[in-house]
PDB file of N, CA and C in Angstrom:
ATOM      1  N   UNK A   1     -10.866  -4.736 -28.577  1.00  0.00           N
ATOM      2  CA  UNK A   1     -11.460  -3.727 -27.446  1.00  0.00           C
ATOM      3  C   UNK A   1     -11.919  -2.764 -28.566  1.00  0.00           C
ATOM      4  N   UNK A   2     -12.957  -1.957 -27.343  1.00  0.00           N
ATOM      5  CA  UNK A   2     -13.995  -1.308 -27.630  1.00  0.00           C
ATOM      6  C   UNK A   2     -12.855   0.108 -27.691  1.00  0.00           C
ATOM      7  N   UNK A   3     -13.385   1.339 -27.695  1.00  0.00           N
ATOM      8  CA  UNK A   3     -12.965   2.642 -27.295  1.00  0.00           C
ATOM      9  C   UNK A   3     -12.744   3.062 -26.355  1.00  0.00           C
ATOM     10  N   UNK A   4     -14.041   2.466 -25.361  1.00  0.00           N
ATOM     11  CA  UNK A   4     -14.355   3.247 -23.943  1.00  0.00           C
ATOM     12  C   UNK A   4     -13.533   2.062 -23.722  1.00  0.00           C
ATOM     13  N   UNK A   5     -12.885   0.628 -23.678  1.00  0.00           N
ATOM     14  CA  UNK A   5     -11.551  -0.160 -22.611  1.00  0.00           C
ATOM     15  C   UNK A   5     -10.135   0.898 -23.200  1.00  0.00           C
ATOM     16  N   UNK A   6      -9.779   1.267 -24.777  1.00  0.00           N
ATOM     17  CA  UNK A   6      -9.018   1.542 -24.914  1.00  0.00           C
ATOM     18  C   UNK A   6      -9.072   2.922 -23.990  1.00  0.00           C
ATOM     19  N   UNK A   7      -9.649   3.966 -24.021  1.00  0.00           N
ATOM     20  CA  UNK A   7      -9.945   5.165 -23.099  1.00  0.00           C
ATOM     21  C   UNK A   7      -9.347   4.782 -21.649  1.00  0.00           C
ATOM     22  N   UNK A   8     -10.056   3.659 -21.220  1.00  0.00           N
ATOM     23  CA  UNK A   8      -9.853   2.988 -19.510  1.00  0.00           C
ATOM     24  C   UNK A   8      -8.391   2.495 -19.541  1.00  0.00           C
ATOM     25  N   UNK A   9      -7.873   1.371 -20.307  1.00  0.00           N
ATOM     26  CA  UNK A   9      -6.775   1.559 -20.023  1.00  0.00           C
ATOM     27  C   UNK A   9      -5.470   2.688 -19.353  1.00  0.00           C
ATOM     28  N   UNK A  10      -6.065   3.055 -21.135  1.00  0.00           N
ATOM     29  CA  UNK A  10      -4.956   4.814 -20.445  1.00  0.00           C
ATOM     30  C   UNK A  10      -4.972   5.810 -19.660  1.00  0.00           C
ATOM     31  N   UNK A  11      -6.658   5.884 -19.026  1.00  0.00           N
ATOM     32  CA  UNK A  11      -6.508   6.807 -18.039  1.00  0.00           C
ATOM     33  C   UNK A  11      -5.707   5.816 -16.044  1.00  0.00           C
ATOM     34  N   UNK A  12      -5.957   4.185 -16.815  1.00  0.00           N
ATOM     35  CA  UNK A  12      -5.826   4.173 -15.565  1.00  0.00           C
ATOM     36  C   UNK A  12      -3.535   3.827 -16.053  1.00  0.00           C
ATOM     37  N   UNK A  13      -3.089   4.091 -16.637  1.00  0.00           N
ATOM     38  CA  UNK A  13      -1.609   4.300 -17.434  1.00  0.00           C
ATOM     39  C   UNK A  13      -1.634   5.570 -16.326  1.00  0.00           C
ATOM     40  N   UNK A  14      -2.325   6.474 -17.053  1.00  0.00           N
ATOM     41  CA  UNK A  14      -2.025   7.995 -16.863  1.00  0.00           C
ATOM     42  C   UNK A  14      -2.219   8.282 -14.869  1.00  0.00           C
ATOM     43  N   UNK A  15      -2.516   7.396 -14.476  1.00  0.00           N
ATOM     44  CA  UNK A  15      -2.777   7.503 -13.208  1.00  0.00           C
ATOM     45  C   UNK A  15      -1.850   6.428 -12.209  1.00  0.00           C
ATOM     46  N   UNK A  16      -0.954   5.919 -13.254  1.00  0.00           N
ATOM     47  CA  UNK A  16      -0.005   5.070 -12.661  1.00  0.00           C
ATOM     48  C   UNK A  16       0.782   5.431 -12.824  1.00  0.00           C
ATOM     49  N   UNK A  17       1.312   6.673 -13.893  1.00  0.00           N
ATOM     50  CA  UNK A  17       2.589   7.865 -13.889  1.00  0.00           C
ATOM     51  C   UNK A  17       2.146   8.841 -13.200  1.00  0.00           C
ATOM     52  N   UNK A  18       1.518   9.182 -13.265  1.00  0.00           N
ATOM     53  CA  UNK A  18       0.907  10.501 -11.603  1.00  0.00           C
ATOM     54  C   UNK A  18       1.608   9.715 -10.788  1.00  0.00           C
ATOM     55  N   UNK A  19       1.307   9.195 -10.373  1.00  0.00           N
ATOM     56  CA  UNK A  19       1.907   8.503  -9.006  1.00  0.00           C
ATOM     57  C   UNK A  19       2.407   8.330  -8.666  1.00  0.00           C
ATOM     58  N   UNK A  20       3.496   7.276 -10.002  1.00  0.00           N
ATOM     59  CA  UNK A  20       5.200   7.651  -9.459  1.00  0.00           C
ATOM     60  C   UNK A  20       5.455   8.862  -9.380  1.00  0.00           C
ATOM     61  N   UNK A  21       4.877   9.938 -10.763  1.00  0.00           N
ATOM     62  CA  UNK A  21       5.456  10.823 -10.916  1.00  0.00           C
ATOM     63  C   UNK A  21       5.531  12.318  -9.624  1.00  0.00           C
ATOM     64  N   UNK A  22       4.636  11.716  -8.413  1.00  0.00           N
ATOM     65  CA  UNK A  22       4.267  12.942  -7.795  1.00  0.00           C
ATOM     66  C   UNK A  22       5.555  12.085  -6.406  1.00  0.00           C
ATOM     67  N   UNK A  23       5.438  11.307  -6.524  1.00  0.00           N
ATOM     68  CA  UNK A  23       6.679  10.379  -5.263  1.00  0.00           C
ATOM     69  C   UNK A  23       7.756   9.732  -5.804  1.00  0.00           C
ATOM     70  N   UNK A  24       8.311  10.346  -6.234  1.00  0.00           N
ATOM     71  CA  UNK A  24       9.600  10.636  -7.494  1.00  0.00           C
ATOM     72  C   UNK A  24      10.889  10.958  -6.936  1.00  0.00           C
ATOM     73  N   UNK A  25      11.034  11.466  -5.758  1.00  0.00           N
ATOM     74  CA  UNK A  25      12.092  11.961  -5.212  1.00  0.00           C
ATOM     75  C   UNK A  25      13.296  10.339  -3.764  1.00  0.00           C
ATOM     76  N   UNK A  26      11.306   9.606  -3.672  1.00  0.00           N
ATOM     77  CA  UNK A  26      11.738   8.901  -2.495  1.00  0.00           C
ATOM     78  C   UNK A  26      11.703   7.950  -3.996  1.00  0.00           C
ATOM     79  N   UNK A  27      10.703   7.021  -4.884  1.00  0.00           N
ATOM     80  CA  UNK A  27      11.688   6.942  -5.752  1.00  0.00           C
ATOM     81  C   UNK A  27      13.223   6.188  -6.679  1.00  0.00           C
ATOM     82  N   UNK A  28      13.178   7.727  -6.835  1.00  0.00           N
ATOM     83  CA  UNK A  28      14.839   8.305  -6.992  1.00  0.00           C
ATOM     84  C   UNK A  28      15.925   8.478  -6.241  1.00  0.00           C
ATOM     85  N   UNK A  29      15.708   7.836  -4.903  1.00  0.00           N
ATOM     86  CA  UNK A  29      16.756   7.602  -3.953  1.00  0.00           C
ATOM     87  C   UNK A  29      17.433   7.132  -4.554  1.00  0.00           C
ATOM     88  N   UNK A  30      17.616   5.440  -4.530  1.00  0.00           N
ATOM     89  CA  UNK A  30      18.486   4.260  -4.722  1.00  0.00           C
ATOM     90  C   UNK A  30      18.982   4.878  -5.538  1.00  0.00           C
ATOM     91  N   UNK A  31      19.435   5.927  -6.654  1.00  0.00           N
ATOM     92  CA  UNK A  31      20.439   6.025  -7.148  1.00  0.00           C
ATOM     93  C   UNK A  31      21.794   6.983  -6.505  1.00  0.00           C
ATOM     94  N   UNK A  32      21.152   7.949  -5.519  1.00  0.00           N
ATOM     95  CA  UNK A  32      21.989   8.589  -4.677  1.00  0.00           C
ATOM     96  C   UNK A  32      22.426   7.815  -4.073  1.00  0.00           C
ATOM     97  N   UNK A  33      21.733   6.951  -3.189  1.00  0.00           N
ATOM     98  CA  UNK A  33      22.143   6.107  -1.857  1.00  0.00           C
ATOM     99  C   UNK A  33      22.569   4.694  -1.996  1.00  0.00           C
ATOM    100  N   UNK A  34      23.175   4.131  -2.632  1.00  0.00           N
ATOM    101  CA  UNK A  34      23.627   2.616  -3.277  1.00  0.00           C
ATOM    102  C   UNK A  34      23.329   1.943  -1.588  1.00  0.00           C
ATOM    103  N   UNK A  35      22.711   2.130  -0.177  1.00  0.00           N
ATOM    104  CA  UNK A  35      22.452   1.405   0.252  1.00  0.00           C
ATOM    105  C   UNK A  35      20.848   0.743   0.319  1.00  0.00           C
ATOM    106  N   UNK A  36      20.239   1.729  -0.522  1.00  0.00           N
ATOM    107  CA  UNK A  36      18.914   1.580  -0.964  1.00  0.00           C
ATOM    108  C   UNK A  36      18.604   0.202  -1.356  1.00  0.00           C
ATOM    109  N   UNK A  37      17.780  -0.868  -1.958  1.00  0.00           N
ATOM    110  CA  UNK A  37      17.280  -2.253  -2.264  1.00  0.00           C
ATOM    111  C   UNK A  37      16.646  -1.325  -3.157  1.00  0.00           C
ATOM    112  N   UNK A  38      16.236  -2.101  -4.752  1.00  0.00           N
ATOM    113  CA  UNK A  38      15.006  -1.411  -5.610  1.00  0.00           C
ATOM    114  C   UNK A  38      13.473  -2.312  -4.540  1.00  0.00           C
ATOM    115  N   UNK A  39      14.379  -3.837  -3.894  1.00  0.00           N
ATOM    116  CA  UNK A  39      12.937  -4.210  -3.556  1.00  0.00           C
ATOM    117  C   UNK A  39      13.396  -4.317  -2.308  1.00  0.00           C
ATOM    118  N   UNK A  40      11.564  -5.459  -1.697  1.00  0.00           N
ATOM    119  CA  UNK A  40      11.889  -5.004  -0.487  1.00  0.00           C
ATOM    120  C   UNK A  40      12.614  -6.849  -0.539  1.00  0.00           C
ATOM    121  N   UNK A  41      13.083  -7.502  -1.289  1.00  0.00           N
ATOM    122  CA  UNK A  41      13.673  -9.269  -0.715  1.00  0.00           C
ATOM    123  C   UNK A  41      14.251  -9.152   0.245  1.00  0.00           C
ATOM    124  N   UNK A  42      14.971  -8.233   1.104  1.00  0.00           N
ATOM    125  CA  UNK A  42      15.825  -7.988   2.529  1.00  0.00           C
ATOM    126  C   UNK A  42      14.626  -8.076   3.725  1.00  0.00           C
ATOM    127  N   UNK A  43      13.733  -7.739   3.756  1.00  0.00           N
ATOM    128  CA  UNK A  43      12.922  -7.436   4.686  1.00  0.00           C
ATOM    129  C   UNK A  43      11.826  -8.710   4.424  1.00  0.00           C
ATOM    130  N   UNK A  44      11.567  -8.813   3.250  1.00  0.00           N
ATOM    131  CA  UNK A  44      10.557 -10.584   3.241  1.00  0.00           C
ATOM    132  C   UNK A  44      11.959 -11.536   3.403  1.00  0.00           C
ATOM    133  N   UNK A  45      12.973 -11.261   3.311  1.00  0.00           N
ATOM    134  CA  UNK A  45      13.775 -12.734   3.491  1.00  0.00           C
ATOM    135  C   UNK A  45      14.017 -12.948   5.577  1.00  0.00           C
ATOM    136  N   UNK A  46      14.193 -10.983   6.612  1.00  0.00           N
ATOM    137  CA  UNK A  46      14.362 -11.550   7.490  1.00  0.00           C
ATOM    138  C   UNK A  46      12.911 -12.072   8.397  1.00  0.00           C
ATOM    139  N   UNK A  47      12.167 -11.193   8.045  1.00  0.00           N
ATOM    140  CA  UNK A  47      10.998 -12.245   8.048  1.00  0.00           C
ATOM    141  C   UNK A  47      10.588 -12.938   7.918  1.00  0.00           C
ATOM    142  N   UNK A  48      10.815 -13.789   7.056  1.00  0.00           N
ATOM    143  CA  UNK A  48      10.554 -15.427   7.085  1.00  0.00           C
ATOM    144  C   UNK A  48      10.620 -16.248   7.737  1.00  0.00           C
ATOM    145  N   UNK A  49      11.761 -15.655   9.071  1.00  0.00           N
ATOM    146  CA  UNK A  49      11.507 -16.890  10.345  1.00  0.00           C
ATOM    147  C   UNK A  49      10.666 -16.633  11.030  1.00  0.00           C
ATOM    148  N   UNK A  50       9.996 -15.185  11.448  1.00  0.00           N
ATOM    149  CA  UNK A  50       8.950 -15.541  11.635  1.00  0.00           C
ATOM    150  C   UNK A  50       8.015 -16.025  11.098  1.00  0.00           C
ATOM    151  N   UNK A  51       7.159 -15.936  10.308  1.00  0.00           N
ATOM    152  CA  UNK A  51       6.478 -16.554   8.962  1.00  0.00           C
ATOM    153  C   UNK A  51       6.433 -17.649   9.516  1.00  0.00           C
ATOM    154  N   UNK A  52       7.323 -18.872   8.955  1.00  0.00           N
ATOM    155  CA  UNK A  52       7.146 -20.398  10.014  1.00  0.00           C
ATOM    156  C   UNK A  52       7.104 -20.421  10.593  1.00  0.00           C
ATOM    157  N   UNK A  53       7.632 -19.562  11.494  1.00  0.00           N
ATOM    158  CA  UNK A  53       7.165 -20.342  13.285  1.00  0.00           C
ATOM    159  C   UNK A  53       5.700 -19.521  13.506  1.00  0.00           C
ATOM    160  N   UNK A  54       5.513 -19.610  12.821  1.00  0.00           N
ATOM    161  CA  UNK A  54       3.943 -19.013  13.532  1.00  0.00           C
ATOM    162  C   UNK A  54       2.823 -19.853  13.887  1.00  0.00           C
ATOM    163  N   UNK A  55       2.811 -21.231  13.630  1.00  0.00           N
ATOM    164  CA  UNK A  55       2.253 -22.048  13.987  1.00  0.00           C
ATOM    165  C   UNK A  55       3.128 -22.052  15.236  1.00  0.00           C
ATOM    166  N   UNK A  56       3.989 -22.283  15.463  1.00  0.00           N
ATOM    167  CA  UNK A  56       4.875 -22.330  16.550  1.00  0.00           C
ATOM    168  C   UNK A  56       4.957 -21.661  17.592  1.00  0.00           C
ATOM    169  N   UNK A  57       4.266 -19.851  16.891  1.00  0.00           N
ATOM    170  CA  UNK A  57       3.753 -19.160  18.272  1.00  0.00           C
ATOM    171  C   UNK A  57       2.468 -19.258  19.403  1.00  0.00           C
ATOM    172  N   UNK A  58       1.995 -19.892  18.127  1.00  0.00           N
ATOM    173  CA  UNK A  58       0.322 -20.386  18.919  1.00  0.00           C
ATOM    174  C   UNK A  58       0.812 -21.274  20.126  1.00  0.00           C
ATOM    175  N   UNK A  59       1.768 -22.256  20.546  1.00  0.00           N
ATOM    176  CA  UNK A  59       2.114 -22.606  21.723  1.00  0.00           C
ATOM    177  C   UNK A  59       3.073 -22.196  23.303  1.00  0.00           C
ATOM    178  N   UNK A  60       3.013 -20.512  22.866  1.00  0.00           N
ATOM    179  CA  UNK A  60       3.972 -19.850  24.126  1.00  0.00           C
ATOM    180  C   UNK A  60       3.067 -20.537  25.347  1.00  0.00           C
ATOM    181  N   UNK A  61       1.993 -20.912  25.190  1.00  0.00           N
ATOM    182  CA  UNK A  61       1.793 -20.721  26.256  1.00  0.00           C
ATOM    183  C   UNK A  61       0.274 -20.125  27.265  1.00  0.00           C
ATOM    184  N   UNK A  62       0.852 -18.605  27.142  1.00  0.00           N
ATOM    185  CA  UNK A  62       0.129 -17.214  27.598  1.00  0.00           C
ATOM    186  C   UNK A  62      -0.044 -15.851  26.544  1.00  0.00           C
ATOM    187  N   UNK A  63      -0.804 -15.379  26.771  1.00  0.00           N
ATOM    188  CA  UNK A  63      -0.329 -14.175  26.453  1.00  0.00           C
ATOM    189  C   UNK A  63       0.898 -13.447  27.005  1.00  0.00           C
ATOM    190  N   UNK A  64       1.115 -13.445  27.720  1.00  0.00           N
ATOM    191  CA  UNK A  64       2.759 -13.300  29.032  1.00  0.00           C
ATOM    192  C   UNK A  64       3.185 -14.215  28.113  1.00  0.00           C
ATOM    193  N   UNK A  65       3.493 -15.172  27.910  1.00  0.00           N
ATOM    194  CA  UNK A  65       4.479 -16.032  26.940  1.00  0.00           C
ATOM    195  C   UNK A  65       4.404 -15.564  25.882  1.00  0.00           C
ATOM    196  N   UNK A  66       3.614 -14.842  24.697  1.00  0.00           N
ATOM    197  CA  UNK A  66       3.827 -14.576  23.506  1.00  0.00           C
ATOM    198  C   UNK A  66       4.435 -13.207  23.259  1.00  0.00           C
ATOM    199  N   UNK A  67       4.429 -12.453  24.577  1.00  0.00           N
ATOM    200  CA  UNK A  67       4.398 -11.002  24.620  1.00  0.00           C
ATOM    201  C   UNK A  67       6.607 -11.358  24.948  1.00  0.00           C
ATOM    202  N   UNK A  68       6.337 -12.007  25.622  1.00  0.00           N
ATOM    203  CA  UNK A  68       8.242 -12.570  26.137  1.00  0.00           C
ATOM    204  C   UNK A  68       8.923 -12.928  24.878  1.00  0.00           C
ATOM    205  N   UNK A  69       8.194 -14.624  23.936  1.00  0.00           N
ATOM    206  CA  UNK A  69       8.431 -14.386  22.550  1.00  0.00           C
ATOM    207  C   UNK A  69       8.371 -13.141  21.573  1.00  0.00           C
ATOM    208  N   UNK A  70       8.067 -12.530  21.344  1.00  0.00           N
ATOM    209  CA  UNK A  70       8.034 -10.883  21.351  1.00  0.00           C
ATOM    210  C   UNK A  70       9.398 -10.442  21.211  1.00  0.00           C
ATOM    211  N   UNK A  71       8.994 -10.227  22.906  1.00  0.00           N
ATOM    212  CA  UNK A  71      10.779  -9.119  23.473  1.00  0.00           C
ATOM    213  C   UNK A  71      11.795 -10.414  22.535  1.00  0.00           C
ATOM    214  N   UNK A  72      12.019 -11.224  23.199  1.00  0.00           N
ATOM    215  CA  UNK A  72      13.735 -12.151  22.721  1.00  0.00           C
ATOM    216  C   UNK A  72      13.785 -12.361  21.460  1.00  0.00           C
ATOM    217  N   UNK A  73      12.824 -12.378  20.670  1.00  0.00           N
ATOM    218  CA  UNK A  73      13.160 -11.416  18.685  1.00  0.00           C
ATOM    219  C   UNK A  73      12.899 -10.215  18.562  1.00  0.00           C
ATOM    220  N   UNK A  74      12.393  -9.275  19.798  1.00  0.00           N
ATOM    221  CA  UNK A  74      13.208  -8.282  18.981  1.00  0.00           C
ATOM    222  C   UNK A  74      14.647  -8.085  19.338  1.00  0.00           C
ATOM    223  N   UNK A  75      14.771  -8.491  21.102  1.00  0.00           N
ATOM    224  CA  UNK A  75      16.190  -8.268  21.483  1.00  0.00           C
ATOM    225  C   UNK A  75      17.652  -9.455  20.101  1.00  0.00           C
ATOM    226  N   UNK A  76      17.195 -10.403  19.237  1.00  0.00           N
ATOM    227  CA  UNK A  76      17.508 -11.010  18.203  1.00  0.00           C
ATOM    228  C   UNK A  76      17.970  -9.990  17.346  1.00  0.00           C
ATOM    229  N   UNK A  77      17.197  -9.892  17.061  1.00  0.00           N
ATOM    230  CA  UNK A  77      17.060  -8.968  15.862  1.00  0.00           C
ATOM    231  C   UNK A  77      17.757  -7.522  15.428  1.00  0.00           C
ATOM    232  N   UNK A  78      17.641  -6.454  17.531  1.00  0.00           N
ATOM    233  CA  UNK A  78      18.214  -5.864  17.254  1.00  0.00           C
ATOM    234  C   UNK A  78      19.709  -6.119  17.292  1.00  0.00           C
ATOM    235  N   UNK A  79      20.189  -7.507  18.318  1.00  0.00           N
ATOM    236  CA  UNK A  79      21.153  -7.555  18.083  1.00  0.00           C
ATOM    237  C   UNK A  79      21.932  -7.862  16.953  1.00  0.00           C
ATOM    238  N   UNK A  80      20.582  -8.755  15.459  1.00  0.00           N
ATOM    239  CA  UNK A  80      21.532  -9.082  14.270  1.00  0.00           C
ATOM    240  C   UNK A  80      21.720  -7.772  13.401  1.00  0.00           C
ATOM    241  N   UNK A  81      21.441  -6.097  14.038  1.00  0.00           N
ATOM    242  CA  UNK A  81      21.574  -5.575  13.329  1.00  0.00           C
ATOM    243  C   UNK A  81      22.343  -4.748  13.607  1.00  0.00           C
ATOM    244  N   UNK A  82      23.132  -4.701  14.013  1.00  0.00           N
ATOM    245  CA  UNK A  82      23.736  -4.354  14.647  1.00  0.00           C
ATOM    246  C   UNK A  82      25.552  -4.716  14.916  1.00  0.00           C
ATOM    247  N   UNK A  83      25.385  -6.196  13.883  1.00  0.00           N
ATOM    248  CA  UNK A  83      26.902  -7.582  13.377  1.00  0.00           C
ATOM    249  C   UNK A  83      26.782  -7.601  15.160  1.00  0.00           C
ATOM    250  N   UNK A  84      26.085  -7.556  15.981  1.00  0.00           N
ATOM    251  CA  UNK A  84      26.536  -8.751  16.604  1.00  0.00           C
ATOM    252  C   UNK A  84      25.788 -10.427  16.762  1.00  0.00           C
ATOM    253  N   UNK A  85      27.259 -11.628  17.337  1.00  0.00           N
ATOM    254  CA  UNK A  85      25.700 -12.789  17.245  1.00  0.00           C
ATOM    255  C   UNK A  85      25.540 -12.809  18.613  1.00  0.00           C
ATOM    256  N   UNK A  86      23.952 -12.914  17.958  1.00  0.00           N
ATOM    257  CA  UNK A  86      22.738 -12.815  18.991  1.00  0.00           C
ATOM    258  C   UNK A  86      23.514 -13.460  20.708  1.00  0.00           C
ATOM    259  N   UNK A  87      23.619 -15.108  20.069  1.00  0.00           N
ATOM    260  CA  UNK A  87      23.988 -15.802  21.113  1.00  0.00           C
ATOM    261  C   UNK A  87      25.058 -15.769  22.280  1.00  0.00           C
ATOM    262  N   UNK A  88      26.135 -15.477  21.726  1.00  0.00           N
ATOM    263  CA  UNK A  88      27.138 -14.856  22.589  1.00  0.00           C
ATOM    264  C   UNK A  88      27.003 -13.458  23.166  1.00  0.00           C
ATOM    265  N   UNK A  89      25.946 -12.398  22.553  1.00  0.00           N
ATOM    266  CA  UNK A  89      25.907 -10.908  22.889  1.00  0.00           C
ATOM    267  C   UNK A  89      24.875 -11.722  24.725  1.00  0.00           C
ATOM    268  N   UNK A  90      23.631 -12.639  23.913  1.00  0.00           N
ATOM    269  CA  UNK A  90      22.349 -13.110  24.846  1.00  0.00           C
ATOM    270  C   UNK A  90      23.495 -14.015  26.192  1.00  0.00           C
ATOM    271  N   UNK A  91      24.133 -14.709  25.990  1.00  0.00           N
ATOM    272  CA  UNK A  91      25.167 -14.874  27.147  1.00  0.00           C
ATOM    273  C   UNK A  91      25.809 -14.111  28.302  1.00  0.00           C
ATOM    274  N   UNK A  92      26.869 -14.092  27.353  1.00  0.00           N
ATOM    275  CA  UNK A  92      27.635 -12.046  28.101  1.00  0.00           C
ATOM    276  C   UNK A  92      26.320 -11.773  28.857  1.00  0.00           C
ATOM    277  N   UNK A  93      25.353 -10.857  28.363  1.00  0.00           N
ATOM    278  CA  UNK A  93      24.301 -10.021  29.331  1.00  0.00           C
ATOM    279  C   UNK A  93      24.149 -10.539  30.167  1.00  0.00           C
ATOM    280  N   UNK A  94      23.360 -12.413  29.840  1.00  0.00           N
ATOM    281  CA  UNK A  94      22.705 -12.393  31.017  1.00  0.00           C
ATOM    282  C   UNK A  94      23.629 -13.317  32.528  1.00  0.00           C
ATOM    283  N   UNK A  95      24.678 -13.208  32.338  1.00  0.00           N
ATOM    284  CA  UNK A  95      26.176 -13.197  32.594  1.00  0.00           C
ATOM    285  C   UNK A  95      25.985 -12.241  33.849  1.00  0.00           C
ATOM    286  N   UNK A  96      26.094 -11.031  33.364  1.00  0.00           N
ATOM    287  CA  UNK A  96      26.653  -9.856  34.446  1.00  0.00           C
ATOM    288  C   UNK A  96      25.771  -8.639  34.291  1.00  0.00           C
ATOM    289  N   UNK A  97      23.728  -9.177  33.917  1.00  0.00           N
ATOM    290  CA  UNK A  97      23.469  -8.797  34.454  1.00  0.00           C
ATOM    291  C   UNK A  97      22.590  -7.360  35.438  1.00  0.00           C
ATOM    292  N   UNK A  98      23.477  -9.447  36.207  1.00  0.00           N
ATOM    293  CA  UNK A  98      22.199  -9.675  38.130  1.00  0.00           C
ATOM    294  C   UNK A  98      23.552  -8.649  38.706  1.00  0.00           C
ATOM    295  N   UNK A  99      25.017  -8.338  38.434  1.00  0.00           N
ATOM    296  CA  UNK A  99      26.088  -7.090  38.389  1.00  0.00           C
ATOM    297  C   UNK A  99      25.964  -6.065  39.004  1.00  0.00           C
ATOM    298  N   UNK A 100      25.102  -6.122  37.401  1.00  0.00           N
ATOM    299  CA  UNK A 100      24.889  -4.683  37.011  1.00  0.00           C
ATOM    300  C   UNK A 100      24.597  -3.564  37.277  1.00  0.00           C
ATOM    301  N   UNK A 101      24.944  -2.753  38.027  1.00  0.00           N
ATOM    302  CA  UNK A 101      23.909  -1.323  37.908  1.00  0.00           C
ATOM    303  C   UNK A 101      22.812  -0.510  37.579  1.00  0.00           C
ATOM    304  N   UNK A 102      21.554  -0.596  37.926  1.00  0.00           N
ATOM    305  CA  UNK A 102      20.248   0.141  36.598  1.00  0.00           C
ATOM    306  C   UNK A 102      21.081   1.120  36.161  1.00  0.00           C
ATOM    307  N   UNK A 103      21.283   1.622  36.706  1.00  0.00           N
ATOM    308  CA  UNK A 103      22.355   2.944  35.802  1.00  0.00           C
ATOM    309  C   UNK A 103      23.037   2.868  34.651  1.00  0.00           C
ATOM    310  N   UNK A 104      23.851   1.633  34.483  1.00  0.00           N
ATOM    311  CA  UNK A 104      24.644   1.099  34.240  1.00  0.00           C
ATOM    312  C   UNK A 104      24.269   0.317  32.972  1.00  0.00           C
ATOM    313  N   UNK A 105      22.399   0.062  32.746  1.00  0.00           N
ATOM    314  CA  UNK A 105      22.401  -1.084  32.284  1.00  0.00           C
ATOM    315  C   UNK A 105      22.517  -0.873  30.916  1.00  0.00           C
ATOM    316  N   UNK A 106      21.700   0.262  29.843  1.00  0.00           N
ATOM    317  CA  UNK A 106      22.120   0.800  28.690  1.00  0.00           C
ATOM    318  C   UNK A 106      23.794   0.306  28.151  1.00  0.00           C
ATOM    319  N   UNK A 107      24.731  -0.494  29.296  1.00  0.00           N
ATOM    320  CA  UNK A 107      25.850  -0.910  28.176  1.00  0.00           C
ATOM    321  C   UNK A 107      25.994  -1.607  27.849  1.00  0.00           C
ATOM    322  N   UNK A 108      24.725  -2.631  28.314  1.00  0.00           N
ATOM    323  CA  UNK A 108      24.314  -3.563  27.846  1.00  0.00           C
ATOM    324  C   UNK A 108      24.176  -4.122  26.479  1.00  0.00           C
ATOM    325  N   UNK A 109      23.202  -3.177  26.018  1.00  0.00           N
ATOM    326  CA  UNK A 109      22.615  -2.843  24.463  1.00  0.00           C
ATOM    327  C   UNK A 109      23.822  -3.408  23.886  1.00  0.00           C
ATOM    328  N   UNK A 110      23.264  -4.628  22.579  1.00  0.00           N
ATOM    329  CA  UNK A 110      23.502  -4.898  21.597  1.00  0.00           C
ATOM    330  C   UNK A 110      25.114  -3.898  21.035  1.00  0.00           C
ATOM    331  N   UNK A 111      25.158  -2.602  20.551  1.00  0.00           N
ATOM    332  CA  UNK A 111      25.954  -1.915  20.309  1.00  0.00           C
ATOM    333  C   UNK A 111      26.949  -1.285  20.793  1.00  0.00           C
ATOM    334  N   UNK A 112      26.687  -1.056  22.323  1.00  0.00           N
ATOM    335  CA  UNK A 112      27.192  -0.829  23.165  1.00  0.00           C
ATOM    336  C   UNK A 112      28.306  -1.618  23.318  1.00  0.00           C
ATOM    337  N   UNK A 113      27.822  -2.720  24.281  1.00  0.00           N
ATOM    338  CA  UNK A 113      28.711  -4.217  23.977  1.00  0.00           C
ATOM    339  C   UNK A 113      29.242  -4.505  22.371  1.00  0.00           C
ATOM    340  N   UNK A 114      29.535  -4.478  21.551  1.00  0.00           N
ATOM    341  CA  UNK A 114      29.888  -4.528  20.293  1.00  0.00           C
ATOM    342  C   UNK A 114      31.243  -3.355  20.894  1.00  0.00           C
ATOM    343  N   UNK A 115      31.097  -2.425  21.582  1.00  0.00           N
ATOM    344  CA  UNK A 115      32.196  -1.509  21.051  1.00  0.00           C
ATOM    345  C   UNK A 115      32.938  -2.012  22.094  1.00  0.00           C
ATOM    346  N   UNK A 116      32.446  -2.300  23.052  1.00  0.00           N
ATOM    347  CA  UNK A 116      33.046  -2.812  24.809  1.00  0.00           C
ATOM    348  C   UNK A 116      34.300  -4.164  23.797  1.00  0.00           C
ATOM    349  N   UNK A 117      33.428  -4.873  23.017  1.00  0.00           N
ATOM    350  CA  UNK A 117      34.347  -6.200  22.518  1.00  0.00           C
ATOM    351  C   UNK A 117      35.305  -6.025  22.212  1.00  0.00           C
ATOM    352  N   UNK A 118      35.113  -4.493  21.107  1.00  0.00           N
ATOM    353  CA  UNK A 118      36.110  -4.671  19.957  1.00  0.00           C
ATOM    354  C   UNK A 118      37.187  -3.571  21.019  1.00  0.00           C
ATOM    355  N   UNK A 119      37.034  -2.926  21.675  1.00  0.00           N
ATOM    356  CA  UNK A 119      38.327  -2.285  22.484  1.00  0.00           C
ATOM    357  C   UNK A 119      39.251  -3.151  23.183  1.00  0.00           C
ATOM    358  N   UNK A 120      38.186  -4.334  23.392  1.00  0.00           N
ATOM    359  CA  UNK A 120      39.081  -5.382  24.076  1.00  0.00           C
ATOM    360  C   UNK A 120      39.856  -6.089  23.522  1.00  0.00           C
ATOM    361  N   UNK A 121      39.170  -6.143  22.724  1.00  0.00           N
ATOM    362  CA  UNK A 121      40.191  -7.368  21.763  1.00  0.00           C
ATOM    363  C   UNK A 121      41.539  -6.233  20.821  1.00  0.00           C
ATOM    364  N   UNK A 122      41.222  -4.938  20.639  1.00  0.00           N
ATOM    365  CA  UNK A 122      42.249  -4.343  20.600  1.00  0.00           C
ATOM    366  C   UNK A 122      43.354  -4.029  21.326  1.00  0.00           C
ATOM    367  N   UNK A 123      43.007  -4.344  22.938  1.00  0.00           N
ATOM    368  CA  UNK A 123      43.987  -3.953  23.746  1.00  0.00           C
ATOM    369  C   UNK A 123      44.521  -4.928  23.806  1.00  0.00           C
TER     370      UNK A 123
END
C-alpha cells in the first residue's frame, strides 16, 4: 500500500466516523427504547410477500385493478399491525358496511373493531 492509499483510507474512515457522530442520537436510540431493532430485518420480512408477488401484480388487469390491489394490501397490513386477524376483520366489515351509517364508518377501522371485539368478549 502506498502512502497515498493509506491517507485515502484514513480519510474514508474519518468520513464514516463523522457521519455516525453527527447522527449519534438516532443511532443510540435503541439503547433507550427496547422496541427499536438494530436491523431492518423485520421490515424486509414484512415486504417479502409483496416482492414475491411482484410478477402476479402485473396481472391485476388494469391500473384500477392495481390500485385496488394496493388498497387491499394496505388494509390487510393495517389489520396485521393492529393485531387483528385480517380475514375475520374483512369478513365482518364486508357484512356490516352496507348497514353502517357513513358517519360511523370509522368504527369499522381495525383498531376500533379490535376494541369492540374485546369489549364484547369481556361482557
